[in-house]
Amino acid sequence: MLNLIISFFLFFGFGPYTQPSGLAAGSLSPEVSRIMGVASALLEESQASYVYGGSRVGERDECLRCAQCLETHQPRPLDRLQKCPLCKKCGIDCSHFLALIFEQAGMPYPYLDTTLMLQLDPRSLRERYQLVDLGQKIELAKAGDFLVYQGHVVMLEKRHRPVSGLPLHRGDLIHATGGRAIKAPGQGIQRERFVELTQFRGPLRRILRHLKLAEIPSP
């Protein structure tokens, strides 16, 4: 069912995603709109749990069995896939989540984890993984970019206009997470709003953009 929803969005060019207003929203390109639509469909329709090493968002019954196993055994985050092999059919971590989004949006890239995202030089990232290194300057980040922290990666949905008295670089993001925002298994894909982008999971280490998005002229 989830794959049908995503396919419906991609075929007809509309779906659950509504373009945000605010700083750096502008007029989203068709490529970015497609990426955001896929991410929103996964967020709103999936009941996947965060599972370290997991790479698949399955159907509802598969996700339910994974969540039930996690609730029963309550394994440590790094042991979830070993203790609950059912989660191989519906369990996902942060880097696999972004790879899945871009694959379903028609822009696949070779999978890499957050360690490689931080360790590889810009040339290797571009030539081997189709990712462009933008450094750490958050003002350069746009919707669809990867924000890479130590051990975690998220996808930027939007940046907000600065407001006096509040952190300067606030924004919304979508990610797969097993962190404090999770209330229970089955809620591994989250949208978090108005976070401090430069200090979300420790200091922001790197901003990456898919090569196809980097080649789109600025409006």
Protein backbone atom coordinates (compact mmCIF):
# COMPACT_ATOMS: atom_id res chain seq x y z
CA MET A 1 0.00 0.00 0.00
CA LEU A 2 2.76 2.46 0.88
CA ASN A 3 4.52 1.86 -2.43
CA LEU A 4 1.21 2.49 -4.23
CA ILE A 5 0.83 5.83 -2.46
CA ILE A 6 4.35 6.89 -3.42
CA SER A 7 3.86 5.71 -7.01
CA PHE A 8 0.60 7.64 -7.20
CA PHE A 9 2.37 10.82 -6.09
CA LEU A 10 5.22 10.39 -8.57
CA PHE A 11 2.92 9.59 -11.50
CA PHE A 12 0.45 12.42 -11.05
CA GLY A 13 2.91 14.98 -9.73
CA PHE A 14 1.07 15.82 -6.54
CA GLY A 15 0.64 14.26 -3.15
CA PRO A 16 0.89 14.84 0.59
CA TYR A 17 3.70 17.41 0.42
CA THR A 18 2.83 21.12 0.61
CA GLN A 19 5.57 23.59 -0.23
CA PRO A 20 6.59 25.54 2.87
CA SER A 21 6.78 29.28 3.08
CA GLY A 22 9.64 31.17 4.63
CA LEU A 23 13.35 31.64 4.16
CA ALA A 24 14.84 29.69 1.28
CA ALA A 25 11.50 28.14 0.36
CA GLY A 26 11.09 29.91 -2.99
CA SER A 27 9.70 27.94 -5.88
CA LEU A 28 10.78 24.34 -5.44
CA SER A 29 12.07 22.56 -8.49
CA PRO A 30 10.18 19.47 -9.70
CA GLU A 31 13.07 17.31 -8.46
CA VAL A 32 12.95 18.72 -4.92
CA SER A 33 9.15 18.58 -4.85
CA ARG A 34 9.34 14.90 -5.81
CA ILE A 35 11.87 14.18 -3.07
CA MET A 36 9.75 15.97 -0.47
CA GLY A 37 6.65 14.15 -1.59
CA VAL A 38 8.30 10.77 -1.16
CA ALA A 39 9.64 11.75 2.27
CA SER A 40 6.22 12.98 3.39
CA ALA A 41 4.52 9.80 2.17
CA LEU A 42 6.99 7.67 4.12
CA LEU A 43 6.55 9.88 7.19
CA GLU A 44 2.76 9.93 7.14
CA GLU A 45 1.96 6.40 5.97
CA SER A 46 4.77 4.20 7.29
CA GLN A 47 4.91 2.54 10.69
CA ALA A 48 8.58 1.65 10.40
CA SER A 49 10.75 1.49 13.49
CA TYR A 50 14.24 2.84 13.75
CA VAL A 51 16.59 -0.14 13.45
CA TYR A 52 20.34 0.37 13.18
CA GLY A 53 21.43 -1.30 9.95
CA GLY A 54 17.84 -1.58 8.72
CA SER A 55 17.31 -0.67 5.08
CA ARG A 56 13.66 -1.34 4.26
CA VAL A 57 10.26 0.18 4.88
CA GLY A 58 7.82 -2.68 4.42
CA GLU A 59 4.08 -3.08 4.38
CA ARG A 60 1.94 -2.36 7.41
CA ASP A 61 1.77 -5.95 8.70
CA GLU A 62 5.55 -6.35 8.40
CA CYS A 63 6.09 -3.11 10.32
CA LEU A 64 3.64 -4.22 13.00
CA ARG A 65 5.49 -7.50 13.56
CA CYS A 66 8.77 -5.62 13.88
CA ALA A 67 7.28 -3.18 16.40
CA GLN A 68 5.80 -6.03 18.44
CA CYS A 69 9.17 -7.78 18.58
CA LEU A 70 10.91 -4.59 19.72
CA GLU A 71 8.29 -3.99 22.41
CA THR A 72 8.62 -7.55 23.65
CA HIS A 73 12.40 -7.86 23.74
CA GLN A 74 13.39 -4.19 24.12
CA PRO A 75 16.87 -4.68 22.68
CA ARG A 76 19.51 -1.99 22.85
CA PRO A 77 19.55 0.23 19.72
CA LEU A 78 22.62 -1.42 18.20
CA ASP A 79 21.23 -4.92 18.84
CA ARG A 80 17.78 -4.48 17.32
CA LEU A 81 18.41 -6.20 14.00
CA GLN A 82 20.09 -9.16 15.73
CA LYS A 83 17.43 -9.59 18.42
CA CYS A 84 14.48 -8.93 16.12
CA PRO A 85 15.25 -10.33 12.65
CA LEU A 86 11.63 -9.59 11.68
CA CYS A 87 12.74 -5.98 11.44
CA LYS A 88 14.75 -6.78 8.30
CA LYS A 89 11.42 -6.44 6.47
CA CYS A 90 10.48 -3.12 8.05
CA GLY A 91 13.22 -1.33 9.91
CA ILE A 92 15.40 1.54 8.81
CA ASP A 93 18.20 3.80 10.04
CA CYS A 94 19.04 7.38 9.16
CA SER A 95 21.40 6.89 6.22
CA HIS A 96 19.33 4.11 4.64
CA PHE A 97 16.25 6.32 4.99
CA LEU A 98 17.77 9.08 2.86
CA ALA A 99 19.00 6.57 0.30
CA LEU A 100 15.47 5.13 0.11
CA ILE A 101 13.92 8.57 -0.43
CA PHE A 102 16.18 9.39 -3.34
CA GLU A 103 15.82 5.93 -4.86
CA GLN A 104 12.03 6.17 -4.84
CA ALA A 105 12.21 9.73 -6.17
CA GLY A 106 14.19 8.50 -9.19
CA MET A 107 17.59 9.83 -8.12
CA PRO A 108 19.43 6.85 -6.61
CA TYR A 109 23.02 7.13 -5.41
CA PRO A 110 25.39 4.45 -4.08
CA TYR A 111 24.65 3.91 -0.41
CA LEU A 112 27.08 5.25 2.17
CA ASP A 113 26.83 5.59 5.93
CA THR A 114 27.43 8.67 8.04
CA THR A 115 31.03 7.70 8.74
CA LEU A 116 31.86 7.85 5.03
CA MET A 117 29.82 11.03 4.63
CA LEU A 118 32.19 12.69 7.06
CA GLN A 119 35.46 10.97 6.14
CA LEU A 120 35.50 11.07 2.33
CA ASP A 121 37.05 13.98 0.49
CA PRO A 122 34.81 16.15 -1.73
CA ARG A 123 36.11 14.61 -4.96
CA SER A 124 35.32 11.06 -3.83
CA LEU A 125 31.88 12.07 -2.63
CA ARG A 126 31.09 13.63 -5.99
CA GLU A 127 32.60 11.02 -8.30
CA ARG A 128 31.67 7.87 -6.38
CA TYR A 129 28.45 8.85 -4.62
CA GLN A 130 26.99 11.79 -6.59
CA LEU A 131 27.04 14.01 -3.50
CA VAL A 132 28.39 17.56 -3.50
CA ASP A 133 30.15 18.85 -0.38
CA LEU A 134 28.89 22.31 0.64
CA GLY A 135 30.96 22.57 3.80
CA GLN A 136 29.33 23.71 7.04
CA LYS A 137 27.80 27.08 6.15
CA ILE A 138 24.11 26.58 6.91
CA GLU A 139 23.15 29.62 4.80
CA LEU A 140 23.96 27.51 1.73
CA ALA A 141 21.59 24.70 2.68
CA LYS A 142 18.35 24.18 0.78
CA ALA A 143 15.42 21.79 0.92
CA GLY A 144 16.58 18.27 0.06
CA ASP A 145 20.12 18.70 1.38
CA PHE A 146 21.73 16.29 3.84
CA LEU A 147 22.79 17.73 7.18
CA VAL A 148 25.43 15.42 8.61
CA TYR A 149 26.24 15.27 12.32
CA GLN A 150 28.50 12.87 14.18
CA GLY A 151 26.73 9.53 13.74
CA HIS A 152 23.52 10.94 12.28
CA VAL A 153 22.18 12.43 9.05
CA VAL A 154 18.89 14.20 8.34
CA MET A 155 17.21 15.76 5.32
CA LEU A 156 16.49 19.48 5.46
CA GLU A 157 12.88 20.37 4.70
CA LYS A 158 13.08 24.15 5.15
CA ARG A 159 14.89 26.94 6.92
CA HIS A 160 12.98 29.55 8.89
CA ARG A 161 13.41 33.29 8.88
CA PRO A 162 15.44 34.57 11.84
CA VAL A 163 13.35 35.77 14.80
CA SER A 164 14.77 38.10 17.41
CA GLY A 165 15.59 36.33 20.66
CA LEU A 166 15.56 32.83 19.15
CA PRO A 167 18.40 30.71 17.74
CA LEU A 168 19.48 32.12 14.40
CA HIS A 169 19.48 29.02 12.22
CA ARG A 170 16.20 27.25 12.87
CA GLY A 171 14.54 24.86 10.48
CA ASP A 172 12.47 21.74 9.87
CA LEU A 173 13.89 18.34 9.02
CA ILE A 174 12.81 14.77 8.31
CA HIS A 175 14.82 11.78 9.49
CA ALA A 176 14.80 8.23 10.76
CA THR A 177 15.72 8.29 14.41
CA GLY A 178 15.75 6.23 17.56
CA GLY A 179 16.37 9.27 19.72
CA ARG A 180 14.37 10.98 22.41
CA ALA A 181 11.60 12.03 20.00
CA ILE A 182 10.43 8.43 19.61
CA LYS A 183 7.44 7.53 21.75
CA ALA A 184 7.25 3.86 20.77
CA PRO A 185 8.33 1.35 18.10
CA GLY A 186 6.71 2.07 14.75
CA GLN A 187 7.50 5.78 14.95
CA GLY A 188 11.02 5.73 13.59
CA ILE A 189 10.42 8.29 10.82
CA GLN A 190 9.96 11.77 12.25
CA ARG A 191 9.54 15.41 11.25
CA GLU A 192 11.05 17.86 13.72
CA ARG A 193 10.27 21.56 13.48
CA PHE A 194 12.09 24.70 14.52
CA VAL A 195 15.29 22.92 15.55
CA GLU A 196 18.65 24.64 15.75
CA LEU A 197 20.19 23.25 12.57
CA THR A 198 23.81 23.94 13.45
CA GLN A 199 23.54 22.10 16.80
CA PHE A 200 20.81 19.50 16.29
CA ARG A 201 22.84 16.38 17.18
CA GLY A 202 26.00 18.10 18.25
CA PRO A 203 27.76 20.46 15.84
CA LEU A 204 26.82 20.32 12.17
CA ARG A 205 29.75 18.62 10.46
CA ARG A 206 28.87 18.70 6.76
CA ILE A 207 26.19 19.69 4.25
CA LEU A 208 25.78 17.46 1.21
CA ARG A 209 23.64 17.94 -1.89
CA HIS A 210 22.74 15.35 -4.51
CA LEU A 211 24.56 16.10 -7.74
CA LYS A 212 21.33 16.37 -9.74
CA LEU A 213 20.05 19.02 -7.34
CA ALA A 214 23.36 20.87 -7.41
CA GLU A 215 23.09 21.15 -11.19
CA ILE A 216 19.70 22.91 -11.05
CA PRO A 217 20.12 26.68 -11.63
CA SER A 218 19.11 28.90 -8.73
CA PRO A 219 15.82 30.74 -9.28
